[in-house]
Amino acid sequence: MARRQQFVECPPHAVWDVLADGHRYAEWVVGTQDIDHADPDWPNVGAALHYRAGLGPLTVNDSCTVRICEPGTRLELEAKADPFGAARIAFTLLPWGDNTLVLLDEHPLTGPGARLQGPPSELLLHLRNRRLLGNLARMAVREHRHAAPGTDRHSTETGP
């Protein structure tokens, strides 16, 4: 099981905005090359993304389905990459002052990844997810800083 965390210097709603935009996953999810289709009701439970993942010319068609969605705080996905199996990918957003602590928990559910789970595969996941969380943080901070002041339309933000 690969667990990582990332401190993000913007409020949870700004991080959620990035997670909630299925069309932009290829911009921050390591290994995702193109989004072929994002269901219009993403990230509601049952909504799916269909995308191409891989390195260079070696690609597979994958899909990702929302299993749990608590807007603004929690998003759990099931990613499938046949013939490699499926994985659970869970994001939790915790308010930390004016900022966000993002917790990422990923582990294989089925397929070779689940059967071969151990230190080598966990190391690869940790390295991938460190970069993924860094990408997510940079994107959320950049977009939050470029948002016009006084236009906060989010109901998930708490505090004065």
Protein backbone atom coordinates (compact mmCIF):
# COMPACT_ATOMS: atom_id res chain seq x y z
CA MET A 1 0.00 0.00 0.00
CA ALA A 2 1.40 3.39 -0.99
CA ARG A 3 0.45 6.32 1.22
CA ARG A 4 1.76 9.82 0.70
CA GLN A 5 0.82 13.31 1.75
CA GLN A 6 1.35 16.75 0.29
CA PHE A 7 1.03 20.15 1.92
CA VAL A 8 -0.60 22.54 -0.57
CA GLU A 9 -0.48 26.29 -0.05
CA CYS A 10 -4.08 27.00 -1.00
CA PRO A 11 -7.50 26.14 0.48
CA PRO A 12 -9.16 22.75 -0.05
CA HIS A 13 -11.70 24.13 -2.54
CA ALA A 14 -8.84 25.05 -4.90
CA VAL A 15 -7.41 21.53 -4.75
CA TRP A 16 -10.90 20.08 -5.18
CA ASP A 17 -11.41 22.18 -8.31
CA VAL A 18 -8.49 20.34 -9.92
CA LEU A 19 -9.68 16.90 -8.75
CA ALA A 20 -13.21 17.65 -9.96
CA ASP A 21 -12.13 18.46 -13.53
CA GLY A 22 -11.88 15.08 -15.24
CA HIS A 23 -10.81 16.59 -18.55
CA ARG A 24 -7.55 17.81 -16.98
CA TYR A 25 -6.25 14.63 -15.30
CA ALA A 26 -3.59 14.17 -17.99
CA GLU A 27 -2.09 17.49 -16.86
CA TRP A 28 -1.15 16.19 -13.40
CA VAL A 29 -1.58 12.39 -13.21
CA VAL A 30 1.79 10.82 -13.95
CA GLY A 31 1.62 8.35 -16.83
CA THR A 32 -1.68 9.64 -18.24
CA GLN A 33 -1.19 10.79 -21.81
CA ASP A 34 -4.66 11.76 -23.03
CA ILE A 35 -8.22 11.86 -21.72
CA ASP A 36 -10.41 10.14 -24.30
CA HIS A 37 -13.69 10.75 -22.47
CA ALA A 38 -14.84 12.19 -19.15
CA ASP A 39 -18.43 11.58 -18.09
CA PRO A 40 -20.26 14.91 -17.81
CA ASP A 41 -21.23 14.23 -14.18
CA TRP A 42 -17.61 13.67 -13.04
CA PRO A 43 -16.80 13.34 -10.09
CA ASN A 44 -20.17 11.93 -8.98
CA VAL A 45 -20.26 8.30 -7.85
CA GLY A 46 -20.30 6.02 -10.89
CA ALA A 47 -18.85 8.60 -13.29
CA ALA A 48 -15.86 7.45 -15.32
CA LEU A 49 -12.82 8.72 -17.17
CA HIS A 50 -11.41 6.85 -20.13
CA TYR A 51 -7.81 7.64 -20.97
CA ARG A 52 -4.57 6.46 -22.50
CA ALA A 53 -1.68 5.82 -20.16
CA GLY A 54 1.88 4.70 -20.62
CA LEU A 55 5.36 5.79 -21.55
CA GLY A 56 6.19 6.93 -25.07
CA PRO A 57 4.66 4.63 -27.68
CA LEU A 58 3.84 1.92 -25.10
CA THR A 59 0.29 2.72 -24.04
CA VAL A 60 -2.81 1.03 -22.68
CA ASN A 61 -6.40 2.21 -22.60
CA ASP A 62 -7.47 2.65 -19.00
CA SER A 63 -10.57 3.72 -17.16
CA CYS A 64 -11.20 5.20 -13.77
CA THR A 65 -14.54 5.11 -11.95
CA VAL A 66 -15.60 7.19 -8.96
CA ARG A 67 -16.51 4.90 -6.05
CA ILE A 68 -16.81 7.51 -3.25
CA CYS A 69 -17.26 11.26 -3.57
CA GLU A 70 -17.61 13.68 -0.69
CA PRO A 71 -17.34 17.02 -2.51
CA GLY A 72 -14.52 19.17 -1.25
CA THR A 73 -13.01 16.53 1.04
CA ARG A 74 -12.79 12.99 -0.35
CA LEU A 75 -12.55 11.28 -3.73
CA GLU A 76 -12.00 7.53 -4.13
CA LEU A 77 -11.41 6.03 -7.54
CA GLU A 78 -11.07 2.56 -8.99
CA ALA A 79 -8.59 2.57 -11.86
CA LYS A 80 -8.59 -0.36 -14.28
CA ALA A 81 -5.78 -1.13 -16.69
CA ASP A 82 -6.43 -4.44 -18.42
CA PRO A 83 -4.64 -6.85 -18.32
CA PHE A 84 -2.86 -5.43 -15.26
CA GLY A 85 -5.84 -5.33 -12.92
CA ALA A 86 -7.41 -2.60 -10.82
CA ALA A 87 -6.30 -0.25 -8.06
CA ARG A 88 -7.97 1.90 -5.42
CA ILE A 89 -6.83 5.53 -5.41
CA ALA A 90 -8.13 7.67 -2.54
CA PHE A 91 -7.65 11.42 -2.07
CA THR A 92 -8.55 13.10 1.22
CA LEU A 93 -8.35 16.89 1.58
CA LEU A 94 -7.82 18.22 5.10
CA PRO A 95 -8.01 21.95 5.85
CA TRP A 96 -4.75 23.07 7.45
CA GLY A 97 -5.15 26.70 8.40
CA ASP A 98 -5.63 28.50 5.08
CA ASN A 99 -3.98 25.59 3.29
CA THR A 100 -4.62 21.92 2.52
CA LEU A 101 -3.07 18.64 3.50
CA VAL A 102 -3.73 16.11 0.73
CA LEU A 103 -3.57 12.44 1.73
CA LEU A 104 -3.20 9.91 -1.07
CA ASP A 105 -3.69 6.19 -0.48
CA GLU A 106 -3.24 3.84 -3.42
CA HIS A 107 -3.14 0.09 -3.52
CA PRO A 108 -3.84 -2.68 -6.02
CA LEU A 109 -7.14 -4.52 -5.81
CA THR A 110 -6.86 -7.19 -8.52
CA GLY A 111 -4.43 -8.53 -11.09
CA PRO A 112 -0.66 -8.96 -11.03
CA GLY A 113 -0.18 -5.79 -8.99
CA ALA A 114 -2.22 -7.24 -6.13
CA ARG A 115 -0.45 -10.60 -6.30
CA LEU A 116 3.04 -9.10 -6.54
CA GLN A 117 2.53 -6.34 -3.99
CA GLY A 118 5.66 -5.72 -1.96
CA PRO A 119 8.57 -3.32 -1.43
CA PRO A 120 9.65 -2.98 -5.10
CA SER A 121 6.14 -2.16 -6.36
CA GLU A 122 5.47 0.12 -3.39
CA LEU A 123 8.68 2.04 -4.11
CA LEU A 124 7.54 2.66 -7.68
CA LEU A 125 4.12 3.83 -6.46
CA HIS A 126 5.73 6.15 -3.91
CA LEU A 127 7.95 7.72 -6.56
CA ARG A 128 5.05 8.12 -9.00
CA ASN A 129 2.71 9.50 -6.35
CA ARG A 130 5.27 11.97 -5.03
CA ARG A 131 5.45 13.48 -8.49
CA LEU A 132 1.65 13.24 -8.98
CA LEU A 133 0.99 15.11 -5.72
CA GLY A 134 3.59 17.73 -6.60
CA ASN A 135 1.87 18.27 -9.95
CA LEU A 136 -1.54 18.51 -8.26
CA ALA A 137 -0.21 21.02 -5.73
CA ARG A 138 1.44 23.25 -8.34
CA MET A 139 -1.66 23.26 -10.49
CA ALA A 140 -4.02 24.05 -7.60
CA VAL A 141 -1.79 26.84 -6.25
CA ARG A 142 -1.27 28.37 -9.69
CA GLU A 143 -4.98 28.40 -10.47
CA HIS A 144 -5.93 29.68 -7.02
CA ARG A 145 -3.48 32.57 -7.31
CA HIS A 146 -4.82 33.49 -10.74
CA ALA A 147 -8.47 33.43 -9.64
CA ALA A 148 -10.04 36.85 -9.37
CA PRO A 149 -10.35 38.05 -5.75
CA GLY A 150 -13.86 38.09 -4.33
CA THR A 151 -15.21 35.47 -6.74
CA ASP A 152 -15.20 32.49 -4.39
CA ARG A 153 -18.19 30.40 -5.45
CA HIS A 154 -17.40 27.38 -3.30
CA SER A 155 -19.58 26.19 -0.48
CA THR A 156 -16.95 23.71 0.80
CA GLU A 157 -14.72 26.40 2.26
CA THR A 158 -15.12 26.93 6.00
CA GLY A 159 -14.16 29.71 8.31
CA PRO A 160 -14.54 33.48 8.27
